[in-house]
Every structure is written in C-alpha cells, then in structure tokens.
C-alpha cells in the first residue's frame, strides 16, 4: 500500500508540474467533451479525454505488468 501511495503521489506531482505542456496538446478540448456554459455557471465533463487516457493507461499497465 505504501508503494502505491508514493507512486500515485509522484504521478500527481509530475502531472501537475507538466500541466502547462499537457494542456497545449489539446487534451481536454476534444470532440465529445461536454461543456455547458450559462450565466454564472460552467460545467465541464471531459468524456472523450477520460476514455483516451483510460485506454492509454490500460495499455501501459498491461505492457509493463507482464
């Protein structure tokens, strides 16, 4: 459990530090991402982005898990 928490923390830290670079790749603004903007309210649900990230992480974990 300790290794998992340390690894998850490092991944979150690296992602946070690299966020300006990651945001320039276009993730988060793909077709299929749900954006609702109203006066005084904004709702954003990155559906397509989450699916792509899930597929990539699944492939990475399956590749390195064996």
PDB file of N, CA and C in Angstrom:
ATOM      1  N   UNK A   1       0.817  -1.189   0.000  1.00  0.00           N
ATOM      2  CA  UNK A   1       0.000   0.000   0.000  1.00  0.00           C
ATOM      3  C   UNK A   1       0.868   1.264   0.000  1.00  0.00           C
ATOM      4  N   UNK A   2       1.992   1.204   0.702  1.00  0.00           N
ATOM      5  CA  UNK A   2       2.874   2.364   0.763  1.00  0.00           C
ATOM      6  C   UNK A   2       3.453   2.690  -0.603  1.00  0.00           C
ATOM      7  N   UNK A   3       3.869   1.667  -1.336  1.00  0.00           N
ATOM      8  CA  UNK A   3       4.436   1.890  -2.671  1.00  0.00           C
ATOM      9  C   UNK A   3       3.391   2.502  -3.596  1.00  0.00           C
ATOM     10  N   UNK A   4       2.148   2.037  -3.488  1.00  0.00           N
ATOM     11  CA  UNK A   4       1.079   2.572  -4.327  1.00  0.00           C
ATOM     12  C   UNK A   4       0.845   4.048  -4.034  1.00  0.00           C
ATOM     13  N   UNK A   5       0.779   4.410  -2.745  1.00  0.00           N
ATOM     14  CA  UNK A   5       0.526   5.805  -2.386  1.00  0.00           C
ATOM     15  C   UNK A   5       1.685   6.709  -2.804  1.00  0.00           C
ATOM     16  N   UNK A   6       2.905   6.224  -2.647  1.00  0.00           N
ATOM     17  CA  UNK A   6       4.057   7.019  -3.082  1.00  0.00           C
ATOM     18  C   UNK A   6       4.055   7.191  -4.590  1.00  0.00           C
ATOM     19  N   UNK A   7       3.778   6.115  -5.316  1.00  0.00           N
ATOM     20  CA  UNK A   7       3.721   6.186  -6.772  1.00  0.00           C
ATOM     21  C   UNK A   7       2.606   7.116  -7.240  1.00  0.00           C
ATOM     22  N   UNK A   8       1.423   6.993  -6.633  1.00  0.00           N
ATOM     23  CA  UNK A   8       0.302   7.871  -7.004  1.00  0.00           C
ATOM     24  C   UNK A   8       0.644   9.333  -6.726  1.00  0.00           C
ATOM     25  N   UNK A   9       1.310   9.605  -5.604  1.00  0.00           N
ATOM     26  CA  UNK A   9       1.715  10.973  -5.281  1.00  0.00           C
ATOM     27  C   UNK A   9       2.705  11.534  -6.280  1.00  0.00           C
ATOM     28  N   UNK A  10       3.665  10.708  -6.672  1.00  0.00           N
ATOM     29  CA  UNK A  10       4.659  11.150  -7.657  1.00  0.00           C
ATOM     30  C   UNK A  10       4.003  11.422  -9.004  1.00  0.00           C
ATOM     31  N   UNK A  11       3.067  10.549  -9.404  1.00  0.00           N
ATOM     32  CA  UNK A  11       2.362  10.750 -10.676  1.00  0.00           C
ATOM     33  C   UNK A  11       1.560  12.048 -10.646  1.00  0.00           C
ATOM     34  N   UNK A  12       0.865  12.306  -9.540  1.00  0.00           N
ATOM     35  CA  UNK A  12       0.106  13.552  -9.430  1.00  0.00           C
ATOM     36  C   UNK A  12       1.023  14.771  -9.441  1.00  0.00           C
ATOM     37  N   UNK A  13       2.161  14.678  -8.787  1.00  0.00           N
ATOM     38  CA  UNK A  13       3.110  15.782  -8.762  1.00  0.00           C
ATOM     39  C   UNK A  13       3.655  16.075 -10.153  1.00  0.00           C
ATOM     40  N   UNK A  14       4.061  15.037 -10.857  1.00  0.00           N
ATOM     41  CA  UNK A  14       4.605  15.208 -12.205  1.00  0.00           C
ATOM     42  C   UNK A  14       3.539  15.755 -13.152  1.00  0.00           C
ATOM     43  N   UNK A  15       2.320  15.230 -13.038  1.00  0.00           N
ATOM     44  CA  UNK A  15       1.223  15.722 -13.878  1.00  0.00           C
ATOM     45  C   UNK A  15       0.951  17.201 -13.611  1.00  0.00           C
ATOM     46  N   UNK A  16       0.964  17.584 -12.350  1.00  0.00           N
ATOM     47  CA  UNK A  16       0.747  18.983 -12.002  1.00  0.00           C
ATOM     48  C   UNK A  16       1.838  19.891 -12.536  1.00  0.00           C
ATOM     49  N   UNK A  17       3.074  19.431 -12.454  1.00  0.00           N
ATOM     50  CA  UNK A  17       4.181  20.244 -12.954  1.00  0.00           C
ATOM     51  C   UNK A  17       4.178  20.350 -14.475  1.00  0.00           C
ATOM     52  N   UNK A  18       3.735  19.296 -15.143  1.00  0.00           N
ATOM     53  CA  UNK A  18       3.732  19.295 -16.605  1.00  0.00           C
ATOM     54  C   UNK A  18       2.405  19.770 -17.202  1.00  0.00           C
ATOM     55  N   UNK A  19       1.470  20.213 -16.381  1.00  0.00           N
ATOM     56  CA  UNK A  19       0.146  20.581 -16.884  1.00  0.00           C
ATOM     57  C   UNK A  19       0.178  21.653 -17.972  1.00  0.00           C
ATOM     58  N   UNK A  20       1.022  22.690 -17.874  1.00  0.00           N
ATOM     59  CA  UNK A  20       1.058  23.663 -18.975  1.00  0.00           C
ATOM     60  C   UNK A  20       1.415  23.022 -20.318  1.00  0.00           C
ATOM     61  N   UNK A  21       2.306  22.051 -20.307  1.00  0.00           N
ATOM     62  CA  UNK A  21       2.692  21.366 -21.536  1.00  0.00           C
ATOM     63  C   UNK A  21       1.567  20.440 -21.998  1.00  0.00           C
ATOM     64  N   UNK A  22       0.960  19.727 -21.058  1.00  0.00           N
ATOM     65  CA  UNK A  22      -0.115  18.787 -21.384  1.00  0.00           C
ATOM     66  C   UNK A  22      -1.318  19.516 -21.966  1.00  0.00           C
ATOM     67  N   UNK A  23      -1.633  20.692 -21.420  1.00  0.00           N
ATOM     68  CA  UNK A  23      -2.800  21.427 -21.914  1.00  0.00           C
ATOM     69  C   UNK A  23      -2.608  21.918 -23.345  1.00  0.00           C
ATOM     70  N   UNK A  24      -1.375  22.111 -23.780  1.00  0.00           N
ATOM     71  CA  UNK A  24      -1.114  22.541 -25.158  1.00  0.00           C
ATOM     72  C   UNK A  24      -1.303  21.409 -26.164  1.00  0.00           C
ATOM     73  N   UNK A  25      -1.346  20.159 -25.690  1.00  0.00           N
ATOM     74  CA  UNK A  25      -1.551  19.017 -26.577  1.00  0.00           C
ATOM     75  C   UNK A  25      -2.986  18.906 -27.074  1.00  0.00           C
ATOM     76  N   UNK A  26      -3.906  19.623 -26.448  1.00  0.00           N
ATOM     77  CA  UNK A  26      -5.296  19.591 -26.879  1.00  0.00           C
ATOM     78  C   UNK A  26      -6.171  18.667 -26.058  1.00  0.00           C
ATOM     79  N   UNK A  27      -5.581  17.964 -25.103  1.00  0.00           N
ATOM     80  CA  UNK A  27      -6.411  17.115 -24.247  1.00  0.00           C
ATOM     81  C   UNK A  27      -7.321  18.002 -23.412  1.00  0.00           C
ATOM     82  N   UNK A  28      -8.546  17.589 -23.271  1.00  0.00           N
ATOM     83  CA  UNK A  28      -9.500  18.377 -22.517  1.00  0.00           C
ATOM     84  C   UNK A  28     -10.402  19.220 -23.387  1.00  0.00           C
ATOM     85  N   UNK A  29     -10.108  19.324 -24.640  1.00  0.00           N
ATOM     86  CA  UNK A  29     -10.941  20.096 -25.574  1.00  0.00           C
ATOM     87  C   UNK A  29     -11.230  19.277 -26.819  1.00  0.00           C
ATOM     88  N   UNK A  30     -11.440  17.998 -26.649  1.00  0.00           N
ATOM     89  CA  UNK A  30     -11.695  17.104 -27.771  1.00  0.00           C
ATOM     90  C   UNK A  30     -13.182  17.043 -28.092  1.00  0.00           C
ATOM     91  N   UNK A  31     -13.530  16.669 -29.319  1.00  0.00           N
ATOM     92  CA  UNK A  31     -14.939  16.464 -29.636  1.00  0.00           C
ATOM     93  C   UNK A  31     -15.491  15.335 -28.753  1.00  0.00           C
ATOM     94  N   UNK A  32     -16.620  15.554 -28.173  1.00  0.00           N
ATOM     95  CA  UNK A  32     -17.206  14.575 -27.272  1.00  0.00           C
ATOM     96  C   UNK A  32     -17.085  14.989 -25.816  1.00  0.00           C
ATOM     97  N   UNK A  33     -16.225  15.963 -25.524  1.00  0.00           N
ATOM     98  CA  UNK A  33     -16.152  16.513 -24.179  1.00  0.00           C
ATOM     99  C   UNK A  33     -17.360  17.428 -23.988  1.00  0.00           C
ATOM    100  N   UNK A  34     -18.004  17.312 -22.855  1.00  0.00           N
ATOM    101  CA  UNK A  34     -19.253  18.046 -22.607  1.00  0.00           C
ATOM    102  C   UNK A  34     -18.936  19.358 -21.896  1.00  0.00           C
ATOM    103  N   UNK A  35     -19.365  20.459 -22.495  1.00  0.00           N
ATOM    104  CA  UNK A  35     -19.168  21.785 -21.914  1.00  0.00           C
ATOM    105  C   UNK A  35     -20.509  22.508 -21.920  1.00  0.00           C
ATOM    106  N   UNK A  36     -20.947  22.946 -20.745  1.00  0.00           N
ATOM    107  CA  UNK A  36     -22.185  23.718 -20.620  1.00  0.00           C
ATOM    108  C   UNK A  36     -21.826  25.022 -19.918  1.00  0.00           C
ATOM    109  N   UNK A  37     -22.039  26.127 -20.618  1.00  0.00           N
ATOM    110  CA  UNK A  37     -21.752  27.439 -20.038  1.00  0.00           C
ATOM    111  C   UNK A  37     -23.046  28.246 -19.986  1.00  0.00           C
ATOM    112  N   UNK A  38     -23.360  28.688 -18.812  1.00  0.00           N
ATOM    113  CA  UNK A  38     -24.513  29.561 -18.593  1.00  0.00           C
ATOM    114  C   UNK A  38     -24.026  30.783 -17.818  1.00  0.00           C
ATOM    115  N   UNK A  39     -24.896  31.725 -17.653  1.00  0.00           N
ATOM    116  CA  UNK A  39     -24.544  32.917 -16.905  1.00  0.00           C
ATOM    117  C   UNK A  39     -24.279  32.544 -15.443  1.00  0.00           C
ATOM    118  N   UNK A  40     -23.052  32.761 -14.996  1.00  0.00           N
ATOM    119  CA  UNK A  40     -22.690  32.466 -13.615  1.00  0.00           C
ATOM    120  C   UNK A  40     -22.457  30.983 -13.335  1.00  0.00           C
ATOM    121  N   UNK A  41     -22.400  30.154 -14.377  1.00  0.00           N
ATOM    122  CA  UNK A  41     -22.256  28.718 -14.181  1.00  0.00           C
ATOM    123  C   UNK A  41     -21.512  28.112 -15.357  1.00  0.00           C
ATOM    124  N   UNK A  42     -20.597  27.229 -15.073  1.00  0.00           N
ATOM    125  CA  UNK A  42     -19.894  26.497 -16.123  1.00  0.00           C
ATOM    126  C   UNK A  42     -19.720  25.053 -15.666  1.00  0.00           C
ATOM    127  N   UNK A  43     -20.059  24.120 -16.538  1.00  0.00           N
ATOM    128  CA  UNK A  43     -19.919  22.699 -16.252  1.00  0.00           C
ATOM    129  C   UNK A  43     -19.085  22.086 -17.356  1.00  0.00           C
ATOM    130  N   UNK A  44     -18.067  21.332 -16.961  1.00  0.00           N
ATOM    131  CA  UNK A  44     -17.176  20.721 -17.932  1.00  0.00           C
ATOM    132  C   UNK A  44     -16.973  19.269 -17.556  1.00  0.00           C
ATOM    133  N   UNK A  45     -17.235  18.361 -18.492  1.00  0.00           N
ATOM    134  CA  UNK A  45     -17.057  16.928 -18.279  1.00  0.00           C
ATOM    135  C   UNK A  45     -16.274  16.366 -19.460  1.00  0.00           C
ATOM    136  N   UNK A  46     -14.973  16.088 -19.273  1.00  0.00           N
ATOM    137  CA  UNK A  46     -14.110  15.645 -20.381  1.00  0.00           C
ATOM    138  C   UNK A  46     -14.278  14.158 -20.692  1.00  0.00           C
ATOM    139  N   UNK A  47     -15.393  13.769 -21.259  1.00  0.00           N
ATOM    140  CA  UNK A  47     -15.712  12.362 -21.506  1.00  0.00           C
ATOM    141  C   UNK A  47     -14.716  11.708 -22.461  1.00  0.00           C
ATOM    142  N   UNK A  48     -14.500  12.289 -23.620  1.00  0.00           N
ATOM    143  CA  UNK A  48     -13.594  11.712 -24.609  1.00  0.00           C
ATOM    144  C   UNK A  48     -12.156  11.693 -24.093  1.00  0.00           C
ATOM    145  N   UNK A  49     -11.749  12.737 -23.424  1.00  0.00           N
ATOM    146  CA  UNK A  49     -10.402  12.790 -22.868  1.00  0.00           C
ATOM    147  C   UNK A  49     -10.196  11.674 -21.850  1.00  0.00           C
ATOM    148  N   UNK A  50     -11.184  11.438 -20.995  1.00  0.00           N
ATOM    149  CA  UNK A  50     -11.065  10.374 -19.996  1.00  0.00           C
ATOM    150  C   UNK A  50     -10.986   9.001 -20.647  1.00  0.00           C
ATOM    151  N   UNK A  51     -11.733   8.780 -21.714  1.00  0.00           N
ATOM    152  CA  UNK A  51     -11.689   7.489 -22.407  1.00  0.00           C
ATOM    153  C   UNK A  51     -10.312   7.265 -23.025  1.00  0.00           C
ATOM    154  N   UNK A  52      -9.757   8.285 -23.660  1.00  0.00           N
ATOM    155  CA  UNK A  52      -8.432   8.160 -24.280  1.00  0.00           C
ATOM    156  C   UNK A  52      -7.363   7.904 -23.220  1.00  0.00           C
ATOM    157  N   UNK A  53      -7.405   8.642 -22.120  1.00  0.00           N
ATOM    158  CA  UNK A  53      -6.431   8.446 -21.047  1.00  0.00           C
ATOM    159  C   UNK A  53      -6.573   7.047 -20.455  1.00  0.00           C
ATOM    160  N   UNK A  54      -7.795   6.566 -20.308  1.00  0.00           N
ATOM    161  CA  UNK A  54      -8.031   5.224 -19.786  1.00  0.00           C
ATOM    162  C   UNK A  54      -7.440   4.149 -20.696  1.00  0.00           C
ATOM    163  N   UNK A  55      -7.635   4.298 -21.981  1.00  0.00           N
ATOM    164  CA  UNK A  55      -7.086   3.327 -22.940  1.00  0.00           C
ATOM    165  C   UNK A  55      -5.560   3.335 -22.902  1.00  0.00           C
ATOM    166  N   UNK A  56      -4.962   4.522 -22.882  1.00  0.00           N
ATOM    167  CA  UNK A  56      -3.504   4.623 -22.851  1.00  0.00           C
ATOM    168  C   UNK A  56      -2.944   4.013 -21.565  1.00  0.00           C
ATOM    169  N   UNK A  57      -3.553   4.327 -20.418  1.00  0.00           N
ATOM    170  CA  UNK A  57      -3.072   3.770 -19.157  1.00  0.00           C
ATOM    171  C   UNK A  57      -3.259   2.261 -19.106  1.00  0.00           C
ATOM    172  N   UNK A  58      -4.361   1.745 -19.650  1.00  0.00           N
ATOM    173  CA  UNK A  58      -4.582   0.306 -19.687  1.00  0.00           C
ATOM    174  C   UNK A  58      -3.494  -0.383 -20.501  1.00  0.00           C
ATOM    175  N   UNK A  59      -3.159   0.182 -21.655  1.00  0.00           N
ATOM    176  CA  UNK A  59      -2.099  -0.390 -22.473  1.00  0.00           C
ATOM    177  C   UNK A  59      -0.739  -0.346 -21.781  1.00  0.00           C
ATOM    178  N   UNK A  60      -0.455   0.746 -21.108  1.00  0.00           N
ATOM    179  CA  UNK A  60       0.818   0.872 -20.403  1.00  0.00           C
ATOM    180  C   UNK A  60       0.905  -0.151 -19.274  1.00  0.00           C
ATOM    181  N   UNK A  61      -0.157  -0.271 -18.472  1.00  0.00           N
ATOM    182  CA  UNK A  61      -0.137  -1.212 -17.356  1.00  0.00           C
ATOM    183  C   UNK A  61      -0.089  -2.656 -17.832  1.00  0.00           C
ATOM    184  N   UNK A  62      -0.756  -2.981 -18.922  1.00  0.00           N
ATOM    185  CA  UNK A  62      -0.691  -4.346 -19.446  1.00  0.00           C
ATOM    186  C   UNK A  62       0.686  -4.655 -20.003  1.00  0.00           C
ATOM    187  N   UNK A  63       1.322  -3.665 -20.617  1.00  0.00           N
ATOM    188  CA  UNK A  63       2.656  -3.867 -21.191  1.00  0.00           C
ATOM    189  C   UNK A  63       3.710  -4.067 -20.097  1.00  0.00           C
ATOM    190  N   UNK A  64       3.662  -3.215 -19.070  1.00  0.00           N
ATOM    191  CA  UNK A  64       4.661  -3.288 -18.006  1.00  0.00           C
ATOM    192  C   UNK A  64       4.289  -4.271 -16.909  1.00  0.00           C
ATOM    193  N   UNK A  65       3.056  -4.748 -16.891  1.00  0.00           N
ATOM    194  CA  UNK A  65       2.619  -5.675 -15.854  1.00  0.00           C
ATOM    195  C   UNK A  65       3.088  -7.101 -16.070  1.00  0.00           C
ATOM    196  N   UNK A  66       3.544  -7.409 -17.272  1.00  0.00           N
ATOM    197  CA  UNK A  66       3.954  -8.787 -17.563  1.00  0.00           C
ATOM    198  C   UNK A  66       5.434  -8.967 -17.470  1.00  0.00           C
TER     199      UNK A  66
END
